[in-house]
């Protein structure tokens, strides 16, 4: 299945049971929900999937289950990242890539490497990955920004790095990457709330969190924007705009899991140190859902 990295990818949540175990039945239901909602691809075990609190065996089971549940309906991306380059290379060498089309790898977090360290980290990983690599820049979580020059250096120097997920929220940086990137290199949004203007600036799509709950509305918005139908895109954008902000008000993915619970798709359990959202935020999300 060919994959051009455009449109809407969904950063899937990992549902848990009341006993805090992975809820594979609910995960299958979620995968059906988003695929039937028209999204272009799935991202398994990104940040939204709470990968930081999953064991190696749980991750292995989730990667495999997601491939089977998808059953070749849409493209698939595996989230494989870390802040220990040697350990990441080992994980990549032992990964079962069957069923996946690309890898999303978050920038090294906590260590705060300089730009040369980030470049060499991605270079080493991309050279060891049998699949194309998507850079993931999310300085709000990692504590370290991948500046435009470094993203462009990676895009130009390493043929196996094909796309960047930009979640810095820095419009000028995003536009610098879009303006100066190689023609075949893709740039996608990592921020639901500003995806519409970023597509207007030249981005190719989004890897979304709110799309777990509202895949049809959000992917229709992205397709309309990519087709330059901005009147339709704006109308769809503002239907979920406030929700796409509020689901992050008390940490992610607690907010979107609450919405998914209300929609009857999965429970709202998260693993510590994450915690369920407050009753006050629940009421706010209830009111916003009623508007959608």
C-alpha atoms as a PDB file:
ATOM      1  CA  UNK A   1       0.000   0.000   0.000  1.00  0.00           C
ATOM      2  CA  UNK A   2       1.557   3.285  -1.088  1.00  0.00           C
ATOM      3  CA  UNK A   3       1.885   5.997   1.551  1.00  0.00           C
ATOM      4  CA  UNK A   4       2.303   9.715   0.851  1.00  0.00           C
ATOM      5  CA  UNK A   5       1.994  11.045   4.453  1.00  0.00           C
ATOM      6  CA  UNK A   6      -0.802  13.458   3.563  1.00  0.00           C
ATOM      7  CA  UNK A   7      -4.203  13.801   5.205  1.00  0.00           C
ATOM      8  CA  UNK A   8      -5.093  12.748   8.739  1.00  0.00           C
ATOM      9  CA  UNK A   9      -3.206  10.271  10.871  1.00  0.00           C
ATOM     10  CA  UNK A  10      -4.554   9.334  14.288  1.00  0.00           C
ATOM     11  CA  UNK A  11      -2.265   9.108  17.316  1.00  0.00           C
ATOM     12  CA  UNK A  12      -4.217   6.247  18.869  1.00  0.00           C
ATOM     13  CA  UNK A  13      -4.896   6.183  22.600  1.00  0.00           C
ATOM     14  CA  UNK A  14      -4.271   2.948  24.464  1.00  0.00           C
ATOM     15  CA  UNK A  15      -7.498   1.940  26.245  1.00  0.00           C
ATOM     16  CA  UNK A  16      -7.193   0.370  29.697  1.00  0.00           C
ATOM     17  CA  UNK A  17      -9.631  -1.753  31.684  1.00  0.00           C
ATOM     18  CA  UNK A  18     -10.786  -0.868  35.195  1.00  0.00           C
ATOM     19  CA  UNK A  19      -7.944  -3.135  36.399  1.00  0.00           C
ATOM     20  CA  UNK A  20      -5.441  -1.000  34.464  1.00  0.00           C
ATOM     21  CA  UNK A  21      -4.705  -3.673  31.873  1.00  0.00           C
ATOM     22  CA  UNK A  22      -4.612  -3.018  28.138  1.00  0.00           C
ATOM     23  CA  UNK A  23      -8.181  -3.268  26.810  1.00  0.00           C
ATOM     24  CA  UNK A  24      -7.693  -4.908  23.419  1.00  0.00           C
ATOM     25  CA  UNK A  25     -11.435  -5.151  22.730  1.00  0.00           C
ATOM     26  CA  UNK A  26     -11.758  -1.396  23.123  1.00  0.00           C
ATOM     27  CA  UNK A  27      -8.627  -0.817  21.041  1.00  0.00           C
ATOM     28  CA  UNK A  28     -10.173  -2.819  18.216  1.00  0.00           C
ATOM     29  CA  UNK A  29     -13.361  -0.791  18.536  1.00  0.00           C
ATOM     30  CA  UNK A  30     -11.356   2.453  18.417  1.00  0.00           C
ATOM     31  CA  UNK A  31      -9.457   1.357  15.316  1.00  0.00           C
ATOM     32  CA  UNK A  32     -12.740   0.550  13.543  1.00  0.00           C
ATOM     33  CA  UNK A  33     -14.169   3.897  14.678  1.00  0.00           C
ATOM     34  CA  UNK A  34     -11.377   6.007  13.218  1.00  0.00           C
ATOM     35  CA  UNK A  35     -11.014   4.008   9.998  1.00  0.00           C
ATOM     36  CA  UNK A  36     -14.768   4.167   9.409  1.00  0.00           C
ATOM     37  CA  UNK A  37     -14.412   7.902  10.084  1.00  0.00           C
ATOM     38  CA  UNK A  38     -12.286   8.262   6.973  1.00  0.00           C
ATOM     39  CA  UNK A  39      -8.789   8.858   8.328  1.00  0.00           C
ATOM     40  CA  UNK A  40      -5.794   8.128   6.127  1.00  0.00           C
ATOM     41  CA  UNK A  41      -3.488   6.340   8.581  1.00  0.00           C
ATOM     42  CA  UNK A  42      -2.915   5.172  12.157  1.00  0.00           C
ATOM     43  CA  UNK A  43      -0.040   5.951  14.510  1.00  0.00           C
ATOM     44  CA  UNK A  44       0.479   3.239  17.126  1.00  0.00           C
ATOM     45  CA  UNK A  45       2.170   4.035  20.456  1.00  0.00           C
ATOM     46  CA  UNK A  46       3.042   7.648  20.079  1.00  0.00           C
ATOM     47  CA  UNK A  47       2.874   9.886  23.148  1.00  0.00           C
ATOM     48  CA  UNK A  48      -0.937   9.742  23.107  1.00  0.00           C
ATOM     49  CA  UNK A  49      -0.726   5.958  23.405  1.00  0.00           C
ATOM     50  CA  UNK A  50       0.914   6.344  26.851  1.00  0.00           C
ATOM     51  CA  UNK A  51       3.944   4.426  25.628  1.00  0.00           C
ATOM     52  CA  UNK A  52       6.016   5.689  28.564  1.00  0.00           C
ATOM     53  CA  UNK A  53       3.995   3.567  31.016  1.00  0.00           C
ATOM     54  CA  UNK A  54       3.746   0.377  28.956  1.00  0.00           C
ATOM     55  CA  UNK A  55       6.019  -2.634  29.395  1.00  0.00           C
ATOM     56  CA  UNK A  56       8.007  -4.023  26.482  1.00  0.00           C
ATOM     57  CA  UNK A  57       5.674  -7.013  26.292  1.00  0.00           C
ATOM     58  CA  UNK A  58       2.583  -4.791  26.308  1.00  0.00           C
ATOM     59  CA  UNK A  59       4.034  -2.679  23.522  1.00  0.00           C
ATOM     60  CA  UNK A  60       4.833  -5.753  21.463  1.00  0.00           C
ATOM     61  CA  UNK A  61       1.263  -7.040  21.891  1.00  0.00           C
ATOM     62  CA  UNK A  62      -0.266  -3.655  20.986  1.00  0.00           C
ATOM     63  CA  UNK A  63       1.855  -3.252  17.851  1.00  0.00           C
ATOM     64  CA  UNK A  64       0.823  -6.719  16.680  1.00  0.00           C
ATOM     65  CA  UNK A  65      -2.846  -6.356  17.612  1.00  0.00           C
ATOM     66  CA  UNK A  66      -3.158  -3.027  15.803  1.00  0.00           C
ATOM     67  CA  UNK A  67      -1.827  -4.551  12.572  1.00  0.00           C
ATOM     68  CA  UNK A  68      -4.319  -7.397  12.803  1.00  0.00           C
ATOM     69  CA  UNK A  69      -7.230  -5.085  13.661  1.00  0.00           C
ATOM     70  CA  UNK A  70      -6.408  -2.737  10.797  1.00  0.00           C
ATOM     71  CA  UNK A  71      -6.255  -5.669   8.370  1.00  0.00           C
ATOM     72  CA  UNK A  72      -4.513  -3.586   5.679  1.00  0.00           C
ATOM     73  CA  UNK A  73      -7.332  -1.046   5.463  1.00  0.00           C
ATOM     74  CA  UNK A  74      -5.145   2.039   5.980  1.00  0.00           C
ATOM     75  CA  UNK A  75      -1.452   2.818   6.312  1.00  0.00           C
ATOM     76  CA  UNK A  76       0.238   2.341   9.670  1.00  0.00           C
ATOM     77  CA  UNK A  77       3.027   4.160  11.510  1.00  0.00           C
ATOM     78  CA  UNK A  78       4.842   2.769  14.556  1.00  0.00           C
ATOM     79  CA  UNK A  79       5.951   5.131  17.299  1.00  0.00           C
ATOM     80  CA  UNK A  80       9.528   4.170  18.251  1.00  0.00           C
ATOM     81  CA  UNK A  81      11.515   6.791  20.126  1.00  0.00           C
ATOM     82  CA  UNK A  82      13.853   7.281  23.040  1.00  0.00           C
ATOM     83  CA  UNK A  83      16.569   9.374  24.639  1.00  0.00           C
ATOM     84  CA  UNK A  84      19.228   6.644  24.648  1.00  0.00           C
ATOM     85  CA  UNK A  85      20.414   6.281  21.057  1.00  0.00           C
ATOM     86  CA  UNK A  86      22.094   2.904  21.581  1.00  0.00           C
ATOM     87  CA  UNK A  87      18.988   1.485  23.268  1.00  0.00           C
ATOM     88  CA  UNK A  88      16.777   2.894  20.521  1.00  0.00           C
ATOM     89  CA  UNK A  89      18.886   1.220  17.835  1.00  0.00           C
ATOM     90  CA  UNK A  90      18.577  -2.072  19.680  1.00  0.00           C
ATOM     91  CA  UNK A  91      14.797  -1.660  19.887  1.00  0.00           C
ATOM     92  CA  UNK A  92      14.677  -0.863  16.167  1.00  0.00           C
ATOM     93  CA  UNK A  93      16.734  -3.932  15.303  1.00  0.00           C
ATOM     94  CA  UNK A  94      14.361  -6.170  17.289  1.00  0.00           C
ATOM     95  CA  UNK A  95      11.118  -4.608  16.055  1.00  0.00           C
ATOM     96  CA  UNK A  96       8.639  -6.577  13.936  1.00  0.00           C
ATOM     97  CA  UNK A  97       7.952  -4.173  11.079  1.00  0.00           C
ATOM     98  CA  UNK A  98       5.380  -6.430   9.440  1.00  0.00           C
ATOM     99  CA  UNK A  99       2.271  -4.373   8.621  1.00  0.00           C
ATOM    100  CA  UNK A 100       3.890  -0.977   9.187  1.00  0.00           C
ATOM    101  CA  UNK A 101       4.747   1.611   6.547  1.00  0.00           C
ATOM    102  CA  UNK A 102       6.843   4.122   8.510  1.00  0.00           C
ATOM    103  CA  UNK A 103       8.249   4.960  11.926  1.00  0.00           C
ATOM    104  CA  UNK A 104       7.527   8.109  13.959  1.00  0.00           C
ATOM    105  CA  UNK A 105      10.451   8.873  16.272  1.00  0.00           C
ATOM    106  CA  UNK A 106      10.241  11.579  18.903  1.00  0.00           C
ATOM    107  CA  UNK A 107      13.247  13.802  19.492  1.00  0.00           C
ATOM    108  CA  UNK A 108      15.406  12.759  22.464  1.00  0.00           C
ATOM    109  CA  UNK A 109      13.845  14.094  25.652  1.00  0.00           C
ATOM    110  CA  UNK A 110      15.153  15.158  29.062  1.00  0.00           C
ATOM    111  CA  UNK A 111      18.884  14.945  28.114  1.00  0.00           C
ATOM    112  CA  UNK A 112      18.579  18.221  26.141  1.00  0.00           C
ATOM    113  CA  UNK A 113      21.130  17.410  23.411  1.00  0.00           C
ATOM    114  CA  UNK A 114      22.437  20.181  21.188  1.00  0.00           C
ATOM    115  CA  UNK A 115      21.461  20.318  17.513  1.00  0.00           C
ATOM    116  CA  UNK A 116      24.426  18.200  16.408  1.00  0.00           C
ATOM    117  CA  UNK A 117      23.433  15.534  18.915  1.00  0.00           C
ATOM    118  CA  UNK A 118      19.864  15.537  17.615  1.00  0.00           C
ATOM    119  CA  UNK A 119      21.122  15.299  14.034  1.00  0.00           C
ATOM    120  CA  UNK A 120      23.436  12.356  14.776  1.00  0.00           C
ATOM    121  CA  UNK A 121      20.713  10.608  16.800  1.00  0.00           C
ATOM    122  CA  UNK A 122      18.268  10.709  13.897  1.00  0.00           C
ATOM    123  CA  UNK A 123      20.989   9.838  11.393  1.00  0.00           C
ATOM    124  CA  UNK A 124      21.918   6.702  13.354  1.00  0.00           C
ATOM    125  CA  UNK A 125      18.289   5.690  13.756  1.00  0.00           C
ATOM    126  CA  UNK A 126      17.316   6.307  10.128  1.00  0.00           C
ATOM    127  CA  UNK A 127      20.333   4.365   8.884  1.00  0.00           C
ATOM    128  CA  UNK A 128      19.209   1.380  10.985  1.00  0.00           C
ATOM    129  CA  UNK A 129      15.499   1.557  10.133  1.00  0.00           C
ATOM    130  CA  UNK A 130      14.173  -0.539   7.256  1.00  0.00           C
ATOM    131  CA  UNK A 131      11.179   1.815   7.049  1.00  0.00           C
ATOM    132  CA  UNK A 132      10.997   5.553   6.308  1.00  0.00           C
ATOM    133  CA  UNK A 133      11.347   7.776   9.365  1.00  0.00           C
ATOM    134  CA  UNK A 134       9.161  10.693  10.473  1.00  0.00           C
ATOM    135  CA  UNK A 135      10.821  13.260  12.738  1.00  0.00           C
ATOM    136  CA  UNK A 136       8.691  14.287  15.720  1.00  0.00           C
ATOM    137  CA  UNK A 137       9.452  17.718  17.149  1.00  0.00           C
ATOM    138  CA  UNK A 138       7.487  18.449  20.321  1.00  0.00           C
ATOM    139  CA  UNK A 139       9.643  20.714  22.529  1.00  0.00           C
ATOM    140  CA  UNK A 140       6.828  21.249  25.015  1.00  0.00           C
ATOM    141  CA  UNK A 141       7.273  17.615  26.031  1.00  0.00           C
ATOM    142  CA  UNK A 142      10.920  16.898  25.231  1.00  0.00           C
ATOM    143  CA  UNK A 143      12.398  20.125  26.564  1.00  0.00           C
ATOM    144  CA  UNK A 144      14.409  20.577  23.383  1.00  0.00           C
ATOM    145  CA  UNK A 145      13.408  22.130  20.063  1.00  0.00           C
ATOM    146  CA  UNK A 146      14.622  20.771  16.718  1.00  0.00           C
ATOM    147  CA  UNK A 147      15.278  24.043  14.942  1.00  0.00           C
ATOM    148  CA  UNK A 148      14.341  24.505  11.289  1.00  0.00           C
ATOM    149  CA  UNK A 149      17.948  24.276  10.140  1.00  0.00           C
ATOM    150  CA  UNK A 150      18.376  20.856  11.763  1.00  0.00           C
ATOM    151  CA  UNK A 151      15.121  19.512  10.344  1.00  0.00           C
ATOM    152  CA  UNK A 152      16.141  20.715   6.881  1.00  0.00           C
ATOM    153  CA  UNK A 153      19.613  19.251   7.278  1.00  0.00           C
ATOM    154  CA  UNK A 154      18.094  15.872   8.110  1.00  0.00           C
ATOM    155  CA  UNK A 155      15.631  16.168   5.212  1.00  0.00           C
ATOM    156  CA  UNK A 156      18.377  16.961   2.714  1.00  0.00           C
ATOM    157  CA  UNK A 157      21.095  14.617   3.978  1.00  0.00           C
ATOM    158  CA  UNK A 158      19.220  11.415   4.839  1.00  0.00           C
ATOM    159  CA  UNK A 159      16.970   9.912   2.184  1.00  0.00           C
ATOM    160  CA  UNK A 160      15.235   7.643   4.703  1.00  0.00           C
ATOM    161  CA  UNK A 161      13.899  10.643   6.642  1.00  0.00           C
ATOM    162  CA  UNK A 162      10.797  11.570   4.672  1.00  0.00           C
ATOM    163  CA  UNK A 163       8.582  13.725   6.882  1.00  0.00           C
ATOM    164  CA  UNK A 164       8.467  15.819  10.025  1.00  0.00           C
ATOM    165  CA  UNK A 165       5.656  16.102  12.559  1.00  0.00           C
ATOM    166  CA  UNK A 166       5.935  19.678  13.780  1.00  0.00           C
ATOM    167  CA  UNK A 167       4.347  20.239  17.178  1.00  0.00           C
ATOM    168  CA  UNK A 168       6.396  23.226  18.286  1.00  0.00           C
ATOM    169  CA  UNK A 169       3.556  25.683  17.723  1.00  0.00           C
ATOM    170  CA  UNK A 170       6.124  28.076  16.253  1.00  0.00           C
ATOM    171  CA  UNK A 171       4.580  29.362  13.030  1.00  0.00           C
ATOM    172  CA  UNK A 172       7.755  30.992  11.725  1.00  0.00           C
ATOM    173  CA  UNK A 173       9.770  27.832  12.311  1.00  0.00           C
ATOM    174  CA  UNK A 174       7.116  25.731  10.603  1.00  0.00           C
ATOM    175  CA  UNK A 175       7.062  28.053   7.617  1.00  0.00           C
ATOM    176  CA  UNK A 176      10.856  28.037   7.390  1.00  0.00           C
ATOM    177  CA  UNK A 177      10.762  24.254   7.091  1.00  0.00           C
ATOM    178  CA  UNK A 178       7.897  24.311   4.565  1.00  0.00           C
ATOM    179  CA  UNK A 179       9.559  26.982   2.422  1.00  0.00           C
ATOM    180  CA  UNK A 180      13.003  25.380   2.273  1.00  0.00           C
ATOM    181  CA  UNK A 181      12.336  21.634   2.392  1.00  0.00           C
ATOM    182  CA  UNK A 182      13.086  19.238  -0.488  1.00  0.00           C
ATOM    183  CA  UNK A 183      10.140  18.794  -2.853  1.00  0.00           C
ATOM    184  CA  UNK A 184       9.360  15.229  -1.775  1.00  0.00           C
ATOM    185  CA  UNK A 185       9.680  15.887   1.974  1.00  0.00           C
ATOM    186  CA  UNK A 186       6.394  16.175   3.900  1.00  0.00           C
ATOM    187  CA  UNK A 187       5.528  18.385   6.855  1.00  0.00           C
ATOM    188  CA  UNK A 188       2.549  17.532   9.066  1.00  0.00           C
ATOM    189  CA  UNK A 189       1.025  19.275  12.047  1.00  0.00           C
ATOM    190  CA  UNK A 190       1.211  17.915  15.571  1.00  0.00           C
ATOM    191  CA  UNK A 191      -1.233  20.504  16.927  1.00  0.00           C
ATOM    192  CA  UNK A 192      -4.929  19.913  16.222  1.00  0.00           C
ATOM    193  CA  UNK A 193      -6.047  23.432  17.080  1.00  0.00           C
ATOM    194  CA  UNK A 194      -3.742  25.109  14.536  1.00  0.00           C
ATOM    195  CA  UNK A 195      -3.792  22.475  11.791  1.00  0.00           C
ATOM    196  CA  UNK A 196      -6.023  24.550   9.502  1.00  0.00           C
ATOM    197  CA  UNK A 197      -3.754  27.613   9.321  1.00  0.00           C
ATOM    198  CA  UNK A 198      -0.686  25.391   9.053  1.00  0.00           C
ATOM    199  CA  UNK A 199      -2.173  23.614   6.033  1.00  0.00           C
ATOM    200  CA  UNK A 200      -2.864  27.060   4.644  1.00  0.00           C
ATOM    201  CA  UNK A 201       0.854  27.761   5.050  1.00  0.00           C
ATOM    202  CA  UNK A 202       1.710  24.595   3.145  1.00  0.00           C
ATOM    203  CA  UNK A 203       1.610  21.627   5.516  1.00  0.00           C
ATOM    204  CA  UNK A 204       0.499  18.250   4.195  1.00  0.00           C
ATOM    205  CA  UNK A 205      -1.820  17.133   6.994  1.00  0.00           C
ATOM    206  CA  UNK A 206      -1.814  16.236  10.678  1.00  0.00           C
ATOM    207  CA  UNK A 207      -1.225  13.507  13.210  1.00  0.00           C
ATOM    208  CA  UNK A 208      -4.232  14.143  15.422  1.00  0.00           C
ATOM    209  CA  UNK A 209      -5.438  13.474  18.960  1.00  0.00           C
ATOM    210  CA  UNK A 210      -8.997  14.861  18.721  1.00  0.00           C
ATOM    211  CA  UNK A 211      -9.438  12.634  15.672  1.00  0.00           C
ATOM    212  CA  UNK A 212      -9.655   9.647  18.036  1.00  0.00           C
ATOM    213  CA  UNK A 213     -13.091  10.945  19.018  1.00  0.00           C
ATOM    214  CA  UNK A 214     -14.174  12.864  15.912  1.00  0.00           C
ATOM    215  CA  UNK A 215     -12.403  11.260  12.951  1.00  0.00           C
ATOM    216  CA  UNK A 216     -15.014  12.205  10.364  1.00  0.00           C
ATOM    217  CA  UNK A 217     -15.246  15.876  11.251  1.00  0.00           C
ATOM    218  CA  UNK A 218     -11.503  16.319  11.571  1.00  0.00           C
ATOM    219  CA  UNK A 219     -10.393  14.340   8.523  1.00  0.00           C
ATOM    220  CA  UNK A 220     -13.081  16.044   6.404  1.00  0.00           C
ATOM    221  CA  UNK A 221     -11.681  19.393   7.553  1.00  0.00           C
ATOM    222  CA  UNK A 222      -8.139  18.387   6.592  1.00  0.00           C
ATOM    223  CA  UNK A 223      -9.201  17.097   3.163  1.00  0.00           C
ATOM    224  CA  UNK A 224     -11.177  20.269   2.468  1.00  0.00           C
ATOM    225  CA  UNK A 225      -8.200  22.441   3.418  1.00  0.00           C
ATOM    226  CA  UNK A 226      -5.829  20.380   1.271  1.00  0.00           C
ATOM    227  CA  UNK A 227      -8.273  20.846  -1.619  1.00  0.00           C
ATOM    228  CA  UNK A 228      -8.221  24.637  -1.010  1.00  0.00           C
ATOM    229  CA  UNK A 229     -11.899  24.592   0.019  1.00  0.00           C
ATOM    230  CA  UNK A 230     -11.313  26.847   3.004  1.00  0.00           C
ATOM    231  CA  UNK A 231     -14.944  27.799   3.526  1.00  0.00           C
ATOM    232  CA  UNK A 232     -15.845  24.176   4.228  1.00  0.00           C
ATOM    233  CA  UNK A 233     -12.638  23.645   6.178  1.00  0.00           C
ATOM    234  CA  UNK A 234     -13.259  26.652   8.440  1.00  0.00           C
ATOM    235  CA  UNK A 235     -16.774  25.514   9.294  1.00  0.00           C
ATOM    236  CA  UNK A 236     -15.514  22.055  10.269  1.00  0.00           C
ATOM    237  CA  UNK A 237     -12.487  23.475  12.068  1.00  0.00           C
ATOM    238  CA  UNK A 238     -14.536  25.628  14.426  1.00  0.00           C
ATOM    239  CA  UNK A 239     -16.883  22.753  15.300  1.00  0.00           C
ATOM    240  CA  UNK A 240     -14.072  20.946  17.110  1.00  0.00           C
ATOM    241  CA  UNK A 241     -11.642  23.833  17.691  1.00  0.00           C
ATOM    242  CA  UNK A 242     -12.478  24.475  21.346  1.00  0.00           C
ATOM    243  CA  UNK A 243     -12.584  20.754  22.125  1.00  0.00           C
ATOM    244  CA  UNK A 244      -9.199  20.258  20.501  1.00  0.00           C
ATOM    245  CA  UNK A 245      -7.763  22.752  22.993  1.00  0.00           C
ATOM    246  CA  UNK A 246      -9.632  21.687  26.116  1.00  0.00           C
ATOM    247  CA  UNK A 247      -8.729  17.999  25.852  1.00  0.00           C
ATOM    248  CA  UNK A 248      -5.169  19.043  26.776  1.00  0.00           C
ATOM    249  CA  UNK A 249      -6.166  21.284  29.691  1.00  0.00           C
ATOM    250  CA  UNK A 250      -5.228  18.683  32.320  1.00  0.00           C
ATOM    251  CA  UNK A 251      -2.781  16.568  30.357  1.00  0.00           C
ATOM    252  CA  UNK A 252      -3.198  14.165  27.484  1.00  0.00           C
ATOM    253  CA  UNK A 253      -4.821  11.746  26.790  1.00  0.00           C
ATOM    254  CA  UNK A 254      -7.147  12.116  29.776  1.00  0.00           C
ATOM    255  CA  UNK A 255      -9.375  14.609  27.989  1.00  0.00           C
ATOM    256  CA  UNK A 256      -9.860  12.687  24.774  1.00  0.00           C
ATOM    257  CA  UNK A 257     -10.300   9.428  26.708  1.00  0.00           C
ATOM    258  CA  UNK A 258     -13.168  11.046  28.622  1.00  0.00           C
ATOM    259  CA  UNK A 259     -14.849  11.950  25.319  1.00  0.00           C
ATOM    260  CA  UNK A 260     -14.284   8.423  24.014  1.00  0.00           C
ATOM    261  CA  UNK A 261     -15.926   7.077  27.173  1.00  0.00           C
ATOM    262  CA  UNK A 262     -18.955   9.313  26.605  1.00  0.00           C
ATOM    263  CA  UNK A 263     -19.096   8.084  23.001  1.00  0.00           C
ATOM    264  CA  UNK A 264     -19.080   4.472  24.206  1.00  0.00           C
ATOM    265  CA  UNK A 265     -15.787   3.532  22.551  1.00  0.00           C
ATOM    266  CA  UNK A 266     -13.445   2.937  25.490  1.00  0.00           C
ATOM    267  CA  UNK A 267     -12.955   3.771  29.147  1.00  0.00           C
ATOM    268  CA  UNK A 268     -11.227   6.867  30.490  1.00  0.00           C
ATOM    269  CA  UNK A 269      -8.599   5.126  32.626  1.00  0.00           C
ATOM    270  CA  UNK A 270      -5.033   6.422  32.340  1.00  0.00           C
ATOM    271  CA  UNK A 271      -1.891   5.134  34.018  1.00  0.00           C
ATOM    272  CA  UNK A 272      -0.009   7.006  36.715  1.00  0.00           C
ATOM    273  CA  UNK A 273       1.542   9.498  36.822  1.00  0.00           C
ATOM    274  CA  UNK A 274      -1.295  10.614  34.527  1.00  0.00           C
ATOM    275  CA  UNK A 275      -4.635  11.039  36.282  1.00  0.00           C
ATOM    276  CA  UNK A 276      -8.264  11.296  35.246  1.00  0.00           C
ATOM    277  CA  UNK A 277      -9.536  14.773  34.464  1.00  0.00           C
ATOM    278  CA  UNK A 278     -11.440  16.839  37.039  1.00  0.00           C
ATOM    279  CA  UNK A 279     -15.245  17.035  37.286  1.00  0.00           C
ATOM    280  CA  UNK A 280     -15.015  20.682  36.253  1.00  0.00           C
ATOM    281  CA  UNK A 281     -13.269  19.784  32.997  1.00  0.00           C
ATOM    282  CA  UNK A 282     -15.715  16.932  32.444  1.00  0.00           C
ATOM    283  CA  UNK A 283     -18.570  19.441  32.574  1.00  0.00           C
ATOM    284  CA  UNK A 284     -16.782  21.739  30.156  1.00  0.00           C
ATOM    285  CA  UNK A 285     -16.168  18.886  27.714  1.00  0.00           C
ATOM    286  CA  UNK A 286     -19.795  17.740  28.035  1.00  0.00           C
ATOM    287  CA  UNK A 287     -20.998  21.199  26.986  1.00  0.00           C
ATOM    288  CA  UNK A 288     -18.573  21.354  24.061  1.00  0.00           C
ATOM    289  CA  UNK A 289     -19.543  17.844  22.911  1.00  0.00           C
ATOM    290  CA  UNK A 290     -23.188  18.915  22.859  1.00  0.00           C
ATOM    291  CA  UNK A 291     -22.246  21.667  20.408  1.00  0.00           C
ATOM    292  CA  UNK A 292     -20.484  19.185  18.103  1.00  0.00           C
END
